[in-house]
Protein backbone atom coordinates (compact mmCIF):
# COMPACT_ATOMS: atom_id res chain seq x y z
CA MET A 1 0.14 118.29 -95.55
CA LEU A 2 1.68 116.00 -98.35
CA ASN A 3 2.90 118.52 -101.09
CA SER A 4 3.18 117.64 -104.86
CA PRO A 5 4.42 118.97 -107.89
CA THR A 6 1.66 116.73 -109.62
CA ASP A 7 -1.64 115.15 -108.62
CA ASN A 8 -0.06 111.79 -108.11
CA GLY A 9 1.43 110.60 -104.87
CA PRO A 10 4.72 108.97 -103.68
CA ASP A 11 5.96 106.47 -106.58
CA TRP A 12 6.44 103.30 -103.84
CA VAL A 13 5.85 100.43 -106.59
CA LYS A 14 8.78 102.25 -108.16
CA MET A 15 10.90 102.62 -105.18
CA ASP A 16 9.99 99.37 -103.87
CA GLY A 17 8.44 100.60 -101.05
CA LEU A 18 10.72 102.55 -99.53
CA LEU A 19 11.48 106.48 -100.41
CA PRO A 20 14.24 108.40 -98.87
CA ALA A 21 13.22 111.23 -96.48
CA VAL A 22 15.35 113.85 -96.17
CA VAL A 23 15.15 116.21 -92.84
CA GLN A 24 15.53 120.02 -93.14
CA ASP A 25 15.45 122.40 -89.85
CA ALA A 26 12.41 124.50 -91.20
CA PHE A 27 13.80 127.59 -89.40
CA ASP A 28 17.53 127.31 -91.02
CA GLY A 29 17.30 125.30 -93.58
CA ARG A 30 20.33 122.69 -92.74
CA ILE A 31 19.90 119.40 -93.32
CA LEU A 32 19.44 117.42 -90.43
CA MET A 33 19.10 114.03 -91.48
CA VAL A 34 18.16 111.40 -93.89
CA GLY A 35 16.03 108.20 -93.21
CA TYR A 36 13.53 106.34 -95.20
CA MET A 37 9.72 105.98 -95.02
CA ASN A 38 7.19 103.76 -96.55
CA GLU A 39 3.65 104.51 -96.86
CA THR A 40 3.21 103.38 -93.11
CA SER A 41 5.64 105.94 -91.91
CA LEU A 42 4.79 108.75 -93.85
CA ASP A 43 1.15 108.39 -92.61
CA VAL A 44 2.11 108.09 -89.00
CA THR A 45 4.64 110.98 -89.59
CA ILE A 46 1.11 113.36 -90.98
CA GLU A 47 -0.97 112.13 -88.14
CA SER A 48 0.98 112.22 -85.49
CA GLY A 49 3.14 115.16 -86.53
CA LYS A 50 6.13 113.03 -84.74
CA VAL A 51 8.67 112.47 -88.14
CA THR A 52 8.52 108.47 -88.58
CA PHE A 53 10.63 106.10 -90.37
CA TRP A 54 11.29 102.71 -91.56
CA SER A 55 13.98 100.98 -89.57
CA ARG A 56 15.74 98.99 -92.78
CA SER A 57 18.02 97.30 -89.96
CA ARG A 58 15.31 96.47 -87.59
CA GLN A 59 12.34 95.90 -89.94
CA GLU A 60 10.10 98.41 -87.92
CA LEU A 61 8.67 101.70 -87.53
CA TRP A 62 10.88 104.08 -85.64
CA THR A 63 9.76 107.43 -84.40
CA LYS A 64 12.58 109.90 -83.98
CA GLY A 65 13.66 110.63 -80.52
CA GLU A 66 11.33 108.35 -79.05
CA THR A 67 13.86 107.35 -76.38
CA SER A 68 15.97 110.42 -76.34
CA GLY A 69 13.17 112.88 -76.50
CA ASN A 70 15.24 114.79 -79.08
CA THR A 71 11.90 114.29 -81.27
CA LEU A 72 11.08 115.95 -84.87
CA ASN A 73 8.06 117.81 -84.78
CA LEU A 74 6.65 117.89 -88.57
CA VAL A 75 5.85 121.15 -90.60
CA ASP A 76 4.98 119.57 -93.96
CA VAL A 77 6.23 117.07 -96.20
CA THR A 78 7.11 117.87 -99.84
CA LEU A 79 7.17 115.21 -102.63
CA ASP A 80 10.17 115.90 -105.61
CA CYS A 81 8.88 115.91 -109.31
CA ASP A 82 9.97 112.35 -110.02
CA ARG A 83 7.73 111.33 -106.72
CA ASP A 84 10.41 109.00 -105.28
CA CYS A 85 11.66 111.28 -102.46
CA LEU A 86 10.54 113.06 -99.61
CA LEU A 87 11.96 116.50 -98.40
CA VAL A 88 10.13 116.86 -94.90
CA ARG A 89 10.25 119.99 -92.84
CA ALA A 90 10.56 119.99 -89.49
CA GLN A 91 11.44 121.80 -85.76
CA PRO A 92 14.14 119.99 -83.90
CA ALA A 93 13.26 119.41 -80.22
CA GLY A 94 17.20 119.05 -79.30
CA PRO A 95 19.94 117.69 -81.25
CA THR A 96 19.05 115.08 -84.29
CA CYS A 97 22.84 113.27 -84.30
CA HIS A 98 23.16 110.80 -82.26
CA THR A 99 26.56 112.50 -81.28
CA GLY A 100 24.95 115.49 -79.87
CA ALA A 101 25.27 117.63 -82.88
CA HIS A 102 22.58 119.65 -84.46
CA THR A 103 22.88 117.92 -87.69
CA CYS A 104 24.27 114.68 -89.15
CA PHE A 105 25.85 116.98 -91.19
CA ASP A 106 27.75 118.78 -88.72
CA PRO A 107 30.78 120.85 -89.95
CA ALA A 108 32.91 118.97 -87.58
CA HIS A 109 32.32 115.44 -88.57
CA GLU A 110 34.58 114.13 -91.29
CA HIS A 111 34.61 114.91 -94.61
CA LEU A 112 35.47 113.06 -98.04
CA GLU A 113 37.50 116.22 -99.14
CA ALA A 114 38.91 119.34 -96.89
CA SER A 115 36.11 121.76 -96.48
CA ASP A 116 34.11 124.36 -93.75
CA GLY A 117 31.26 122.12 -94.44
CA PRO A 118 27.72 123.46 -95.97
CA ARG A 119 26.07 126.35 -93.54
CA PRO A 120 23.29 128.23 -94.41
CA ASP A 121 23.91 131.92 -93.78
CA LEU A 122 20.56 131.66 -90.94
CA ALA A 123 22.22 128.91 -89.61
CA PHE A 124 24.09 130.82 -87.02
CA LEU A 125 21.30 132.80 -85.90
CA GLY A 126 19.39 129.28 -85.21
CA ASP A 127 22.26 128.32 -83.19
CA LEU A 128 22.37 131.50 -81.22
CA GLU A 129 18.42 131.59 -80.51
CA ARG A 130 18.99 128.13 -79.27
CA VAL A 131 21.73 129.23 -76.93
CA ILE A 132 19.90 131.70 -75.82
CA ARG A 133 16.76 129.44 -75.12
CA GLN A 134 19.27 127.11 -72.84
CA ARG A 135 20.05 129.71 -70.84
CA ASP A 136 16.72 131.12 -70.08
CA ARG A 137 15.98 127.31 -68.99
CA ASP A 138 19.25 126.67 -67.17
CA ARG A 139 19.81 130.52 -65.78
CA PRO A 140 24.01 129.52 -65.59
CA ALA A 141 25.59 131.62 -63.17
CA GLY A 142 28.42 134.49 -64.53
CA SER A 143 26.20 134.18 -67.93
CA TYR A 144 25.42 138.01 -69.24
CA THR A 145 22.29 135.78 -71.11
CA THR A 146 21.35 134.91 -67.53
CA GLN A 147 21.94 138.46 -66.24
CA LEU A 148 20.16 140.22 -68.81
CA LEU A 149 16.79 137.80 -68.66
CA GLU A 150 16.65 137.98 -64.60
CA ALA A 151 17.09 142.15 -64.91
CA GLY A 152 13.63 142.01 -66.69
CA ILE A 153 11.70 142.98 -69.73
CA LYS A 154 12.58 146.90 -69.01
CA ARG A 155 16.44 146.43 -68.96
CA ILE A 156 16.54 144.09 -72.14
CA ALA A 157 14.59 146.81 -73.73
CA GLN A 158 16.44 149.65 -72.37
CA LYS A 159 20.00 147.67 -73.78
CA VAL A 160 17.75 147.18 -77.43
CA GLY A 161 17.03 150.73 -77.17
CA GLU A 162 20.96 151.69 -76.55
CA GLU A 163 22.20 149.32 -79.58
CA GLY A 164 20.26 150.82 -81.91
CA VAL A 165 21.21 154.10 -81.29
CA GLU A 166 24.82 153.13 -81.21
CA THR A 167 24.33 151.10 -84.37
CA ALA A 168 22.27 154.33 -86.12
CA LEU A 169 25.51 156.50 -85.06
CA ALA A 170 28.04 154.09 -86.61
CA ALA A 171 26.06 153.76 -89.73
CA ALA A 172 25.99 157.84 -89.98
CA ALA A 173 29.81 157.61 -89.30
CA GLY A 174 30.74 155.50 -91.95
CA ASP A 175 32.99 153.02 -90.35
CA PRO A 176 31.49 149.22 -91.83
CA ASP A 177 33.07 147.34 -88.81
CA GLU A 178 31.83 149.67 -86.05
CA LEU A 179 28.27 149.30 -88.14
CA LEU A 180 28.95 145.38 -88.47
CA ASN A 181 29.97 145.24 -84.58
CA GLU A 182 27.02 147.27 -83.17
CA SER A 183 24.48 145.52 -85.69
CA SER A 184 25.84 142.76 -83.70
CA ASP A 185 25.00 143.58 -80.27
CA LEU A 186 21.60 144.96 -81.99
CA LEU A 187 20.48 141.76 -83.03
CA TYR A 188 21.78 139.70 -79.87
CA HIS A 189 20.06 141.87 -77.71
CA LEU A 190 16.51 141.62 -79.63
CA LEU A 191 16.72 137.62 -79.62
CA VAL A 192 17.04 137.99 -76.06
CA LEU A 193 13.74 140.46 -75.81
CA LEU A 194 12.13 138.44 -77.84
CA ARG A 195 13.13 135.10 -75.87
CA ALA A 196 11.81 137.40 -72.54
CA ARG A 197 8.43 137.56 -74.46
CA GLN A 198 8.44 133.75 -75.16
CA LEU A 199 8.52 134.79 -78.94
CA SER A 200 11.03 133.54 -81.60
CA LEU A 201 12.87 134.01 -84.88
CA SER A 202 10.09 132.17 -86.41
CA ASP A 203 8.07 134.72 -85.10
CA LEU A 204 9.32 137.18 -86.38
CA LEU A 205 9.83 135.91 -89.78
CA THR A 206 6.18 134.97 -89.96
CA THR A 207 5.50 138.86 -89.33
CA LEU A 208 7.86 139.89 -92.16
CA GLU A 209 6.66 136.98 -94.79
CA SER A 210 2.70 138.42 -94.16
CA ARG A 211 3.82 141.98 -94.80
CA HIS A 212 6.30 140.84 -97.87
CA GLY A 213 4.48 142.03 -101.71
């Protein structure tokens, strides 16, 4: 589970027993938070599958989400070339930041200088998928996503087909704005269809990756 560019493990001695651990969303690449790990917390993380840190203030182990339920489910851990920093890829179960934001580096937070904040291209797709997942769980009244999900697979599939045709027609007509609009509708409805079948963008990307090369 621990990937290293060398045959050696973390240099605990060099870093006085603590390594910074940068936690990255395994789906959209956003940096979720930064914590510190000692040898024990890294072992617990790998063995339990729940990202666990060493609290410098409390001087004890703490598993992210142990009280809130917003855990970080481990995908893998990679050691950097100097063996003194960890990159932890994880799947967040709920918001990571104590403010309720998806990431502690949310663009809504204050910046040292004017900026829209870092936002990988796939970040919004991840946000959209999370919203659709929440709509599926809560089924709020008045939500179009709720209406689609309650209409059933056949209706959602029909909408995907309709949007696919409209996207193709927009492309043939040569209108770039219309093509983008119709493509957006198609992608949204496809995400709803995947959710209705208990599938995700991650599943789709895994399939695409398996076909690559």
